[in-house]
Amino acid sequence: GLMVSDDRMILSIRGMTCSHCEDAVREALESVGAEDVQADFRQGQATFTLFTGVAPAALQQAIRVAGYQPGSLESVTPAFASSQGRAPLGAS
């Protein structure tokens, strides 16, 4: 098959107050290409899979259009360079 890099990402989002907000955020992110979106209004973030070719700016713009405030976008599985010196959770 095609080689596709699918990174699990976390986008912090301000303004979600209920499960209805989670649905709106999920639909907004899916509309610009995010997959397997899980929004959590209590934590104020959405987790999703991002495939190569989807611009982070498009995700943040979609959140703004939906009426929320996007924050930083971070990878759940950071590149090796940024993970050095920090043991993963559960490591002895």
Protein backbone atom coordinates (compact mmCIF):
# COMPACT_ATOMS: atom_id res chain seq x y z
CA GLY A 1 0.00 0.00 0.00
CA LEU A 2 0.87 3.65 0.06
CA MET A 3 3.36 4.81 2.63
CA VAL A 4 1.41 7.16 4.83
CA SER A 5 2.70 8.69 8.00
CA ASP A 6 -0.15 8.84 10.45
CA ASP A 7 0.73 10.77 13.56
CA ARG A 8 -1.47 10.86 16.61
CA MET A 9 -1.84 14.52 17.51
CA ILE A 10 -3.24 16.56 20.40
CA LEU A 11 -4.74 20.00 19.77
CA SER A 12 -5.60 22.08 22.80
CA ILE A 13 -8.95 23.83 22.38
CA ARG A 14 -10.53 26.47 24.57
CA GLY A 15 -14.27 27.02 24.69
CA MET A 16 -15.63 23.49 24.84
CA THR A 17 -18.12 23.19 27.69
CA CYS A 18 -20.15 20.04 26.97
CA SER A 19 -20.44 16.91 24.89
CA HIS A 20 -22.22 18.91 22.18
CA CYS A 21 -19.05 21.00 21.88
CA GLU A 22 -17.05 17.79 21.49
CA ASP A 23 -19.27 16.78 18.58
CA ALA A 24 -18.84 20.16 16.91
CA VAL A 25 -15.07 20.02 17.32
CA ARG A 26 -14.92 16.47 16.00
CA GLU A 27 -16.94 17.38 12.92
CA ALA A 28 -14.79 20.47 12.32
CA LEU A 29 -11.56 18.49 12.47
CA GLU A 30 -12.91 15.65 10.35
CA SER A 31 -14.02 18.17 7.72
CA VAL A 32 -10.39 19.12 7.06
CA GLY A 33 -8.97 15.61 7.09
CA ALA A 34 -8.37 14.56 10.70
CA GLU A 35 -9.23 10.94 11.42
CA ASP A 36 -10.40 9.09 14.53
CA VAL A 37 -11.05 12.33 16.42
CA GLN A 38 -11.64 12.15 20.18
CA ALA A 39 -12.53 15.49 21.75
CA ASP A 40 -12.55 15.94 25.52
CA PHE A 41 -14.14 19.13 26.81
CA ARG A 42 -13.01 18.48 30.39
CA GLN A 43 -9.37 18.37 29.36
CA GLY A 44 -9.87 21.04 26.70
CA GLN A 45 -8.27 19.08 23.92
CA ALA A 46 -8.89 16.88 20.93
CA THR A 47 -6.81 13.86 19.98
CA PHE A 48 -6.79 12.65 16.40
CA THR A 49 -4.78 10.98 13.69
CA LEU A 50 -3.20 13.29 11.15
CA PHE A 51 -2.05 12.03 7.79
CA THR A 52 0.64 13.61 5.68
CA GLY A 53 -0.72 16.48 3.62
CA VAL A 54 -3.12 17.91 6.18
CA ALA A 55 -1.92 21.36 7.22
CA PRO A 56 -2.04 22.09 10.96
CA ALA A 57 -3.19 25.63 10.12
CA ALA A 58 -6.27 24.16 8.40
CA LEU A 59 -7.15 22.28 11.58
CA GLN A 60 -6.83 25.39 13.71
CA GLN A 61 -8.85 27.43 11.22
CA ALA A 62 -11.62 24.82 11.29
CA ILE A 63 -11.75 25.09 15.08
CA ARG A 64 -12.02 28.89 14.86
CA VAL A 65 -14.83 28.63 12.32
CA ALA A 66 -16.65 26.25 14.68
CA GLY A 67 -16.47 28.93 17.36
CA TYR A 68 -13.65 27.66 19.58
CA GLN A 69 -10.10 28.78 20.25
CA PRO A 70 -7.35 26.45 19.09
CA GLY A 71 -4.11 26.29 21.01
CA SER A 72 -0.91 24.39 20.41
CA LEU A 73 -0.79 21.28 18.26
CA GLU A 74 1.48 18.57 19.64
CA SER A 75 2.38 15.08 18.57
CA VAL A 76 1.42 12.30 20.97
CA THR A 77 4.37 10.34 19.63
CA PRO A 78 7.13 12.95 19.46
CA ALA A 79 10.03 12.65 17.07
CA PHE A 80 13.14 11.04 18.51
CA ALA A 81 14.96 14.35 18.70
CA SER A 82 12.40 15.90 21.03
CA SER A 83 11.89 12.79 23.17
CA GLN A 84 15.50 12.33 24.23
CA GLY A 85 15.99 12.72 27.95
CA ARG A 86 12.34 12.15 28.77
CA ALA A 87 11.45 8.58 29.67
CA PRO A 88 8.03 7.51 28.43
CA LEU A 89 5.36 6.91 31.03
CA GLY A 90 5.70 3.49 32.54
CA ALA A 91 9.41 3.19 31.81
CA SER A 92 11.48 1.97 34.72
